[in-house]
Amino acid sequence: MDFTIRAVRPEEYEALGELTAGTYLTDGLLKYGAEDSYLHVLRDTARRARESEVLVAEDGDGRLLGGVTFATGATPWADIAVEGEAEFRMLVVSREARGRGVGEALVRACIERARALPGCRRIVLSTDASMVSAHRIYERLGFVRTPDRDWEPIPDHRLRTYALEF
């Protein structure tokens, strides 16, 4: 592994916010494209870091390769996680770093954090149906589909959910 996973630093907030927003845009994950109101949320790494835990993958030259937001259940950054669960969101990997295990390493870091939380029974996530390569990572790591928890953050944009029991 030619990268490390660590907490985001304040001087990286803007860069990670742009990577996150840019990835969602170029991967077609925003229903309204560049006009989508969710873009400001994706860019606001400072707020995410204040209210949850934000992790990054960094290469040996200090370049950000990806990031993820980790939250405990029933907190502001938990979309579906309830008490006794953890959740990760906004998992992104730069185009040039894809295929190098960055996404899987970020997911594994979230799993480790969730397992270390007293009383945490599972980790959950929501994902777009189009993110087939991400689904393969989740399933390889033991996550199972939880269709009863699938939801729509906005009308006609259904997200799939997965969970990993501890």
N, C-alpha and C. Protein backbone atom coordinates (compact mmCIF):
# COMPACT_ATOMS: atom_id res chain seq x y z
N MET A 1 0.86 -1.17 0.00
CA MET A 1 0.00 0.00 0.00
C MET A 1 0.91 1.23 0.00
N ASP A 2 0.76 2.05 -1.01
CA ASP A 2 1.61 3.24 -1.14
C ASP A 2 0.88 4.51 -0.69
N PHE A 3 0.03 4.37 0.31
CA PHE A 3 -0.70 5.52 0.85
C PHE A 3 -1.04 5.23 2.31
N THR A 4 -1.41 6.27 3.03
CA THR A 4 -1.81 6.12 4.43
C THR A 4 -3.21 6.70 4.62
N ILE A 5 -3.90 6.19 5.62
CA ILE A 5 -5.22 6.69 6.00
C ILE A 5 -5.05 7.45 7.31
N ARG A 6 -5.60 8.65 7.37
CA ARG A 6 -5.48 9.47 8.57
C ARG A 6 -6.63 10.48 8.59
N ALA A 7 -6.73 11.20 9.70
CA ALA A 7 -7.74 12.26 9.82
C ALA A 7 -7.37 13.43 8.91
N VAL A 8 -8.37 14.06 8.34
CA VAL A 8 -8.15 15.23 7.50
C VAL A 8 -7.60 16.37 8.36
N ARG A 9 -6.78 17.20 7.76
CA ARG A 9 -6.23 18.38 8.46
C ARG A 9 -6.97 19.63 7.97
N PRO A 10 -7.07 20.65 8.84
CA PRO A 10 -7.80 21.87 8.44
C PRO A 10 -7.31 22.48 7.12
N GLU A 11 -6.03 22.45 6.87
CA GLU A 11 -5.52 23.03 5.62
C GLU A 11 -5.92 22.21 4.39
N GLU A 12 -6.52 21.04 4.59
CA GLU A 12 -6.96 20.18 3.48
C GLU A 12 -8.46 20.24 3.25
N TYR A 13 -9.18 20.95 4.10
CA TYR A 13 -10.64 20.99 3.99
C TYR A 13 -11.09 21.40 2.59
N GLU A 14 -10.54 22.47 2.08
CA GLU A 14 -10.98 22.95 0.76
C GLU A 14 -10.67 21.94 -0.33
N ALA A 15 -9.47 21.38 -0.32
CA ALA A 15 -9.08 20.41 -1.36
C ALA A 15 -9.96 19.17 -1.30
N LEU A 16 -10.24 18.66 -0.10
CA LEU A 16 -11.09 17.48 0.01
C LEU A 16 -12.52 17.82 -0.40
N GLY A 17 -12.99 18.99 -0.04
CA GLY A 17 -14.33 19.41 -0.45
C GLY A 17 -14.46 19.45 -1.96
N GLU A 18 -13.44 19.98 -2.63
CA GLU A 18 -13.47 20.03 -4.10
C GLU A 18 -13.37 18.64 -4.71
N LEU A 19 -12.53 17.78 -4.12
CA LEU A 19 -12.44 16.39 -4.61
C LEU A 19 -13.78 15.69 -4.46
N THR A 20 -14.42 15.87 -3.32
CA THR A 20 -15.71 15.22 -3.06
C THR A 20 -16.78 15.73 -4.03
N ALA A 21 -16.93 17.04 -4.13
CA ALA A 21 -17.93 17.62 -5.03
C ALA A 21 -17.62 17.25 -6.48
N GLY A 22 -16.36 17.35 -6.88
CA GLY A 22 -15.98 17.03 -8.25
C GLY A 22 -16.24 15.58 -8.61
N THR A 23 -15.98 14.68 -7.67
CA THR A 23 -16.23 13.26 -7.91
C THR A 23 -17.72 13.00 -8.09
N TYR A 24 -18.53 13.56 -7.23
CA TYR A 24 -19.98 13.38 -7.35
C TYR A 24 -20.48 13.93 -8.69
N LEU A 25 -19.93 15.06 -9.12
CA LEU A 25 -20.34 15.64 -10.41
C LEU A 25 -19.91 14.77 -11.58
N THR A 26 -18.63 14.43 -11.65
CA THR A 26 -18.13 13.68 -12.82
C THR A 26 -18.65 12.25 -12.86
N ASP A 27 -18.99 11.69 -11.70
CA ASP A 27 -19.53 10.33 -11.68
C ASP A 27 -21.05 10.31 -11.87
N GLY A 28 -21.65 11.48 -12.06
CA GLY A 28 -23.09 11.55 -12.32
C GLY A 28 -23.96 11.21 -11.13
N LEU A 29 -23.49 11.50 -9.92
CA LEU A 29 -24.23 11.14 -8.72
C LEU A 29 -25.16 12.23 -8.21
N LEU A 30 -25.18 13.36 -8.88
CA LEU A 30 -26.05 14.47 -8.47
C LEU A 30 -27.17 14.63 -9.49
N LYS A 31 -28.39 14.47 -9.04
CA LYS A 31 -29.55 14.51 -9.94
C LYS A 31 -29.62 15.81 -10.73
N TYR A 32 -29.21 16.92 -10.12
CA TYR A 32 -29.32 18.22 -10.78
C TYR A 32 -27.97 18.76 -11.24
N GLY A 33 -26.97 17.90 -11.32
CA GLY A 33 -25.66 18.29 -11.84
C GLY A 33 -25.06 19.46 -11.09
N ALA A 34 -24.46 20.38 -11.83
CA ALA A 34 -23.77 21.53 -11.23
C ALA A 34 -24.72 22.47 -10.49
N GLU A 35 -26.02 22.34 -10.71
CA GLU A 35 -27.01 23.18 -10.03
C GLU A 35 -27.54 22.51 -8.76
N ASP A 36 -27.05 21.33 -8.43
CA ASP A 36 -27.56 20.57 -7.29
C ASP A 36 -27.23 21.28 -5.97
N SER A 37 -28.21 21.43 -5.12
CA SER A 37 -28.00 22.11 -3.83
C SER A 37 -27.12 21.29 -2.88
N TYR A 38 -26.95 20.00 -3.15
CA TYR A 38 -26.12 19.14 -2.30
C TYR A 38 -24.63 19.45 -2.46
N LEU A 39 -24.26 20.14 -3.52
CA LEU A 39 -22.84 20.46 -3.75
C LEU A 39 -22.23 21.23 -2.59
N HIS A 40 -22.97 22.17 -2.02
CA HIS A 40 -22.41 22.95 -0.90
C HIS A 40 -22.15 22.06 0.31
N VAL A 41 -22.96 21.04 0.52
CA VAL A 41 -22.75 20.09 1.62
C VAL A 41 -21.48 19.28 1.36
N LEU A 42 -21.32 18.83 0.12
CA LEU A 42 -20.14 18.04 -0.24
C LEU A 42 -18.85 18.84 -0.08
N ARG A 43 -18.92 20.12 -0.36
CA ARG A 43 -17.73 20.98 -0.28
C ARG A 43 -17.38 21.38 1.16
N ASP A 44 -18.33 21.30 2.07
CA ASP A 44 -18.13 21.82 3.43
C ASP A 44 -17.45 20.79 4.34
N THR A 45 -16.19 20.51 4.05
CA THR A 45 -15.43 19.55 4.85
C THR A 45 -15.24 20.06 6.27
N ALA A 46 -15.09 21.35 6.45
CA ALA A 46 -14.89 21.90 7.80
C ALA A 46 -16.05 21.53 8.71
N ARG A 47 -17.25 21.67 8.22
CA ARG A 47 -18.42 21.32 9.04
C ARG A 47 -18.45 19.83 9.33
N ARG A 48 -18.20 19.02 8.30
CA ARG A 48 -18.18 17.57 8.51
C ARG A 48 -17.15 17.18 9.56
N ALA A 49 -15.98 17.79 9.50
CA ALA A 49 -14.90 17.47 10.44
C ALA A 49 -15.25 17.91 11.87
N ARG A 50 -16.02 18.97 12.01
CA ARG A 50 -16.46 19.43 13.34
C ARG A 50 -17.49 18.49 13.93
N GLU A 51 -18.37 17.95 13.08
CA GLU A 51 -19.53 17.21 13.57
C GLU A 51 -19.44 15.70 13.41
N SER A 52 -18.36 15.22 12.81
CA SER A 52 -18.15 13.79 12.61
C SER A 52 -16.65 13.56 12.49
N GLU A 53 -16.25 12.45 11.91
CA GLU A 53 -14.84 12.20 11.67
C GLU A 53 -14.63 12.09 10.16
N VAL A 54 -13.67 12.80 9.64
CA VAL A 54 -13.38 12.76 8.21
C VAL A 54 -11.97 12.19 8.04
N LEU A 55 -11.89 11.14 7.24
CA LEU A 55 -10.62 10.47 6.98
C LEU A 55 -10.19 10.72 5.55
N VAL A 56 -8.89 10.72 5.32
CA VAL A 56 -8.35 10.86 3.97
C VAL A 56 -7.32 9.77 3.72
N ALA A 57 -7.11 9.50 2.45
CA ALA A 57 -6.00 8.67 2.00
C ALA A 57 -5.00 9.63 1.37
N GLU A 58 -3.74 9.49 1.77
CA GLU A 58 -2.68 10.39 1.30
C GLU A 58 -1.53 9.55 0.77
N ASP A 59 -0.99 9.93 -0.39
CA ASP A 59 0.16 9.20 -0.92
C ASP A 59 1.45 9.73 -0.30
N GLY A 60 2.57 9.12 -0.65
CA GLY A 60 3.86 9.49 -0.08
C GLY A 60 4.30 10.90 -0.38
N ASP A 61 3.71 11.51 -1.41
CA ASP A 61 4.04 12.90 -1.76
C ASP A 61 3.08 13.91 -1.13
N GLY A 62 2.19 13.42 -0.28
CA GLY A 62 1.25 14.32 0.40
C GLY A 62 0.00 14.65 -0.39
N ARG A 63 -0.23 13.96 -1.51
CA ARG A 63 -1.43 14.21 -2.32
C ARG A 63 -2.63 13.46 -1.74
N LEU A 64 -3.77 14.13 -1.70
CA LEU A 64 -5.00 13.47 -1.26
C LEU A 64 -5.52 12.58 -2.38
N LEU A 65 -5.75 11.32 -2.04
CA LEU A 65 -6.24 10.35 -3.01
C LEU A 65 -7.73 10.08 -2.84
N GLY A 66 -8.25 10.35 -1.66
CA GLY A 66 -9.65 10.08 -1.40
C GLY A 66 -10.03 10.48 0.00
N GLY A 67 -11.31 10.32 0.32
CA GLY A 67 -11.78 10.67 1.65
C GLY A 67 -13.12 10.02 1.95
N VAL A 68 -13.50 10.07 3.21
CA VAL A 68 -14.76 9.50 3.66
C VAL A 68 -15.18 10.18 4.96
N THR A 69 -16.48 10.25 5.19
CA THR A 69 -17.03 10.79 6.43
C THR A 69 -17.58 9.63 7.26
N PHE A 70 -17.17 9.56 8.52
CA PHE A 70 -17.58 8.51 9.44
C PHE A 70 -18.40 9.14 10.56
N ALA A 71 -19.57 8.58 10.83
CA ALA A 71 -20.46 9.14 11.86
C ALA A 71 -21.06 8.03 12.70
N THR A 72 -21.33 8.35 13.94
CA THR A 72 -22.04 7.41 14.80
C THR A 72 -23.54 7.61 14.62
N GLY A 73 -24.30 6.60 14.99
CA GLY A 73 -25.74 6.63 14.81
C GLY A 73 -26.42 7.76 15.56
N ALA A 74 -27.51 8.23 14.97
CA ALA A 74 -28.35 9.26 15.58
C ALA A 74 -27.58 10.56 15.82
N THR A 75 -26.64 10.88 14.94
CA THR A 75 -25.92 12.15 14.97
C THR A 75 -26.18 12.87 13.65
N PRO A 76 -25.83 14.16 13.54
CA PRO A 76 -26.18 14.92 12.34
C PRO A 76 -25.70 14.33 11.01
N TRP A 77 -24.59 13.61 10.99
CA TRP A 77 -24.07 13.09 9.72
C TRP A 77 -24.47 11.65 9.46
N ALA A 78 -25.33 11.10 10.28
CA ALA A 78 -25.84 9.75 10.07
C ALA A 78 -27.17 9.84 9.32
N ASP A 79 -27.17 9.40 8.07
CA ASP A 79 -28.41 9.41 7.30
C ASP A 79 -29.36 8.31 7.76
N ILE A 80 -28.81 7.10 7.96
CA ILE A 80 -29.67 5.97 8.30
C ILE A 80 -29.27 5.27 9.60
N ALA A 81 -28.06 5.52 10.10
CA ALA A 81 -27.61 4.84 11.32
C ALA A 81 -28.38 5.34 12.53
N VAL A 82 -28.78 4.38 13.35
CA VAL A 82 -29.48 4.68 14.60
C VAL A 82 -28.53 4.39 15.76
N GLU A 83 -29.00 4.61 16.95
CA GLU A 83 -28.20 4.31 18.15
C GLU A 83 -27.69 2.87 18.06
N GLY A 84 -26.41 2.66 18.36
CA GLY A 84 -25.82 1.32 18.29
C GLY A 84 -25.26 0.97 16.92
N GLU A 85 -25.27 1.94 16.02
CA GLU A 85 -24.72 1.73 14.67
C GLU A 85 -23.76 2.87 14.35
N ALA A 86 -22.94 2.64 13.34
CA ALA A 86 -22.09 3.67 12.76
C ALA A 86 -22.39 3.70 11.27
N GLU A 87 -21.94 4.75 10.61
CA GLU A 87 -22.23 4.91 9.18
C GLU A 87 -21.07 5.63 8.52
N PHE A 88 -20.82 5.29 7.27
CA PHE A 88 -19.89 6.11 6.50
C PHE A 88 -20.58 6.63 5.27
N ARG A 89 -20.14 7.82 4.85
CA ARG A 89 -20.76 8.54 3.74
C ARG A 89 -19.69 9.25 2.94
N MET A 90 -20.11 9.71 1.78
CA MET A 90 -19.26 10.56 0.94
C MET A 90 -17.89 9.94 0.68
N LEU A 91 -17.89 8.64 0.43
CA LEU A 91 -16.64 7.94 0.08
C LEU A 91 -16.26 8.33 -1.34
N VAL A 92 -15.09 8.92 -1.50
CA VAL A 92 -14.61 9.31 -2.83
C VAL A 92 -13.15 8.93 -2.99
N VAL A 93 -12.80 8.60 -4.23
CA VAL A 93 -11.42 8.31 -4.61
C VAL A 93 -11.15 9.06 -5.90
N SER A 94 -10.03 9.77 -5.96
CA SER A 94 -9.70 10.52 -7.17
C SER A 94 -9.57 9.56 -8.35
N ARG A 95 -9.87 10.05 -9.54
CA ARG A 95 -9.80 9.20 -10.74
C ARG A 95 -8.44 8.52 -10.88
N GLU A 96 -7.35 9.28 -10.67
CA GLU A 96 -6.02 8.72 -10.87
C GLU A 96 -5.64 7.69 -9.81
N ALA A 97 -6.36 7.64 -8.69
CA ALA A 97 -6.04 6.67 -7.63
C ALA A 97 -6.94 5.44 -7.65
N ARG A 98 -7.91 5.41 -8.53
CA ARG A 98 -8.84 4.28 -8.57
C ARG A 98 -8.12 3.00 -9.00
N GLY A 99 -8.55 1.90 -8.41
CA GLY A 99 -7.95 0.61 -8.72
C GLY A 99 -6.72 0.29 -7.89
N ARG A 100 -6.39 1.15 -6.93
CA ARG A 100 -5.20 0.94 -6.10
C ARG A 100 -5.54 0.52 -4.67
N GLY A 101 -6.81 0.27 -4.40
CA GLY A 101 -7.22 -0.16 -3.06
C GLY A 101 -7.52 0.96 -2.10
N VAL A 102 -7.57 2.19 -2.60
CA VAL A 102 -7.81 3.35 -1.73
C VAL A 102 -9.21 3.29 -1.12
N GLY A 103 -10.21 3.05 -1.95
CA GLY A 103 -11.58 2.99 -1.44
C GLY A 103 -11.75 1.90 -0.40
N GLU A 104 -11.21 0.73 -0.69
CA GLU A 104 -11.31 -0.38 0.27
C GLU A 104 -10.60 -0.03 1.58
N ALA A 105 -9.45 0.60 1.51
CA ALA A 105 -8.71 0.98 2.72
C ALA A 105 -9.51 1.98 3.56
N LEU A 106 -10.17 2.93 2.91
CA LEU A 106 -11.00 3.89 3.63
C LEU A 106 -12.18 3.19 4.31
N VAL A 107 -12.80 2.24 3.60
CA VAL A 107 -13.91 1.49 4.19
C VAL A 107 -13.42 0.67 5.38
N ARG A 108 -12.27 0.01 5.22
CA ARG A 108 -11.71 -0.78 6.33
C ARG A 108 -11.43 0.10 7.55
N ALA A 109 -10.95 1.30 7.33
CA ALA A 109 -10.68 2.22 8.44
C ALA A 109 -11.99 2.56 9.17
N CYS A 110 -13.06 2.74 8.43
CA CYS A 110 -14.36 3.01 9.05
C CYS A 110 -14.85 1.80 9.84
N ILE A 111 -14.67 0.61 9.28
CA ILE A 111 -15.06 -0.61 9.98
C ILE A 111 -14.30 -0.72 11.30
N GLU A 112 -13.00 -0.48 11.27
CA GLU A 112 -12.19 -0.54 12.50
C GLU A 112 -12.70 0.45 13.54
N ARG A 113 -13.02 1.66 13.11
CA ARG A 113 -13.52 2.66 14.05
C ARG A 113 -14.86 2.22 14.64
N ALA A 114 -15.73 1.69 13.81
CA ALA A 114 -17.04 1.25 14.30
C ALA A 114 -16.89 0.10 15.29
N ARG A 115 -16.04 -0.87 14.98
CA ARG A 115 -15.83 -2.01 15.89
C ARG A 115 -15.31 -1.55 17.26
N ALA A 116 -14.55 -0.48 17.27
CA ALA A 116 -13.95 0.02 18.52
C ALA A 116 -14.94 0.82 19.37
N LEU A 117 -16.09 1.18 18.82
CA LEU A 117 -17.07 1.97 19.57
C LEU A 117 -17.85 1.08 20.53
N PRO A 118 -17.87 1.41 21.80
CA PRO A 118 -18.66 0.62 22.76
C PRO A 118 -20.13 0.58 22.35
N GLY A 119 -20.69 -0.61 22.31
CA GLY A 119 -22.10 -0.77 22.00
C GLY A 119 -22.46 -0.72 20.52
N CYS A 120 -21.48 -0.57 19.65
CA CYS A 120 -21.78 -0.52 18.21
C CYS A 120 -21.96 -1.94 17.68
N ARG A 121 -23.14 -2.22 17.13
CA ARG A 121 -23.49 -3.55 16.63
C ARG A 121 -23.26 -3.74 15.14
N ARG A 122 -23.24 -2.62 14.40
CA ARG A 122 -23.10 -2.74 12.94
C ARG A 122 -22.68 -1.40 12.36
N ILE A 123 -22.20 -1.47 11.13
CA ILE A 123 -21.90 -0.27 10.35
C ILE A 123 -22.76 -0.33 9.10
N VAL A 124 -23.32 0.80 8.71
CA VAL A 124 -24.26 0.87 7.59
C VAL A 124 -23.81 1.93 6.60
N LEU A 125 -24.38 1.85 5.41
CA LEU A 125 -24.08 2.83 4.37
C LEU A 125 -25.21 2.89 3.36
N SER A 126 -25.27 3.99 2.64
CA SER A 126 -26.20 4.18 1.52
C SER A 126 -25.35 4.39 0.28
N THR A 127 -25.82 3.86 -0.84
CA THR A 127 -25.05 3.97 -2.08
C THR A 127 -25.98 4.07 -3.28
N ASP A 128 -25.51 4.72 -4.30
CA ASP A 128 -26.26 4.83 -5.55
C ASP A 128 -26.22 3.49 -6.28
N ALA A 129 -27.29 3.14 -6.94
CA ALA A 129 -27.36 1.87 -7.68
C ALA A 129 -26.29 1.76 -8.76
N SER A 130 -25.83 2.89 -9.28
CA SER A 130 -24.85 2.86 -10.37
C SER A 130 -23.42 2.54 -9.90
N MET A 131 -23.18 2.55 -8.62
CA MET A 131 -21.81 2.39 -8.11
C MET A 131 -21.45 0.91 -7.92
N VAL A 132 -21.46 0.18 -9.02
CA VAL A 132 -21.28 -1.27 -9.00
C VAL A 132 -19.93 -1.68 -8.43
N SER A 133 -18.86 -0.98 -8.78
CA SER A 133 -17.54 -1.37 -8.26
C SER A 133 -17.48 -1.17 -6.74
N ALA A 134 -18.13 -0.15 -6.23
CA ALA A 134 -18.18 0.05 -4.77
C ALA A 134 -18.98 -1.06 -4.11
N HIS A 135 -20.07 -1.48 -4.74
CA HIS A 135 -20.88 -2.57 -4.18
C HIS A 135 -20.04 -3.83 -4.04
N ARG A 136 -19.18 -4.10 -5.02
CA ARG A 136 -18.31 -5.28 -4.95
C ARG A 136 -17.37 -5.20 -3.75
N ILE A 137 -16.83 -4.02 -3.49
CA ILE A 137 -15.96 -3.85 -2.32
C ILE A 137 -16.76 -4.14 -1.04
N TYR A 138 -17.93 -3.55 -0.92
CA TYR A 138 -18.73 -3.74 0.28
C TYR A 138 -19.04 -5.22 0.50
N GLU A 139 -19.46 -5.89 -0.55
CA GLU A 139 -19.81 -7.31 -0.43
C GLU A 139 -18.59 -8.16 -0.09
N ARG A 140 -17.45 -7.85 -0.68
CA ARG A 140 -16.22 -8.58 -0.38
C ARG A 140 -15.84 -8.44 1.10
N LEU A 141 -16.15 -7.28 1.68
CA LEU A 141 -15.82 -7.03 3.08
C LEU A 141 -16.89 -7.55 4.05
N GLY A 142 -17.94 -8.17 3.51
CA GLY A 142 -18.96 -8.79 4.36
C GLY A 142 -20.25 -8.02 4.52
N PHE A 143 -20.37 -6.87 3.89
CA PHE A 143 -21.62 -6.12 3.96
C PHE A 143 -22.71 -6.88 3.20
N VAL A 144 -23.93 -6.80 3.68
CA VAL A 144 -25.08 -7.40 3.00
C VAL A 144 -26.11 -6.32 2.72
N ARG A 145 -26.86 -6.52 1.63
CA ARG A 145 -27.92 -5.58 1.26
C ARG A 145 -29.01 -5.57 2.32
N THR A 146 -29.53 -4.40 2.58
CA THR A 146 -30.65 -4.23 3.52
C THR A 146 -31.74 -3.43 2.81
N PRO A 147 -32.42 -4.05 1.84
CA PRO A 147 -33.40 -3.32 1.03
C PRO A 147 -34.53 -2.68 1.83
N ASP A 148 -34.82 -3.23 3.01
CA ASP A 148 -35.87 -2.64 3.84
C ASP A 148 -35.49 -1.24 4.35
N ARG A 149 -34.21 -0.89 4.24
CA ARG A 149 -33.75 0.44 4.68
C ARG A 149 -33.47 1.38 3.51
N ASP A 150 -33.64 0.90 2.27
CA ASP A 150 -33.42 1.77 1.11
C ASP A 150 -34.30 3.02 1.25
N TRP A 151 -33.81 4.14 0.72
CA TRP A 151 -34.52 5.40 0.93
C TRP A 151 -34.23 6.37 -0.21
N GLU A 152 -35.00 7.45 -0.24
CA GLU A 152 -34.86 8.49 -1.26
C GLU A 152 -34.54 9.82 -0.58
N PRO A 153 -33.31 10.32 -0.74
CA PRO A 153 -32.98 11.63 -0.17
C PRO A 153 -33.73 12.76 -0.87
N ILE A 154 -34.03 12.54 -2.14
CA ILE A 154 -34.87 13.44 -2.93
C ILE A 154 -35.78 12.56 -3.77
N PRO A 155 -36.93 13.05 -4.20
CA PRO A 155 -37.84 12.22 -4.99
C PRO A 155 -37.16 11.60 -6.22
N ASP A 156 -37.46 10.33 -6.45
CA ASP A 156 -36.97 9.58 -7.62
C ASP A 156 -35.46 9.37 -7.63
N HIS A 157 -34.83 9.40 -6.48
CA HIS A 157 -33.40 9.07 -6.38
C HIS A 157 -33.24 8.09 -5.21
N ARG A 158 -33.48 6.82 -5.51
CA ARG A 158 -33.46 5.78 -4.47
C ARG A 158 -32.04 5.32 -4.20
N LEU A 159 -31.66 5.28 -2.94
CA LEU A 159 -30.36 4.79 -2.53
C LEU A 159 -30.48 3.39 -1.95
N ARG A 160 -29.52 2.55 -2.29
CA ARG A 160 -29.44 1.20 -1.73
C ARG A 160 -28.70 1.27 -0.41
N THR A 161 -29.03 0.36 0.48
CA THR A 161 -28.34 0.34 1.77
C THR A 161 -27.70 -1.02 2.00
N TYR A 162 -26.61 -0.98 2.76
CA TYR A 162 -25.86 -2.17 3.14
C TYR A 162 -25.55 -2.08 4.63
N ALA A 163 -25.32 -3.24 5.25
CA ALA A 163 -24.92 -3.28 6.66
C ALA A 163 -23.91 -4.40 6.87
N LEU A 164 -23.02 -4.17 7.83
CA LEU A 164 -22.07 -5.19 8.27
C LEU A 164 -22.29 -5.36 9.77
N GLU A 165 -22.71 -6.58 10.15
CA GLU A 165 -22.96 -6.89 11.56
C GLU A 165 -21.65 -7.26 12.24
N PHE A 166 -21.52 -6.88 13.50
CA PHE A 166 -20.33 -7.25 14.28
C PHE A 166 -20.64 -8.40 15.22
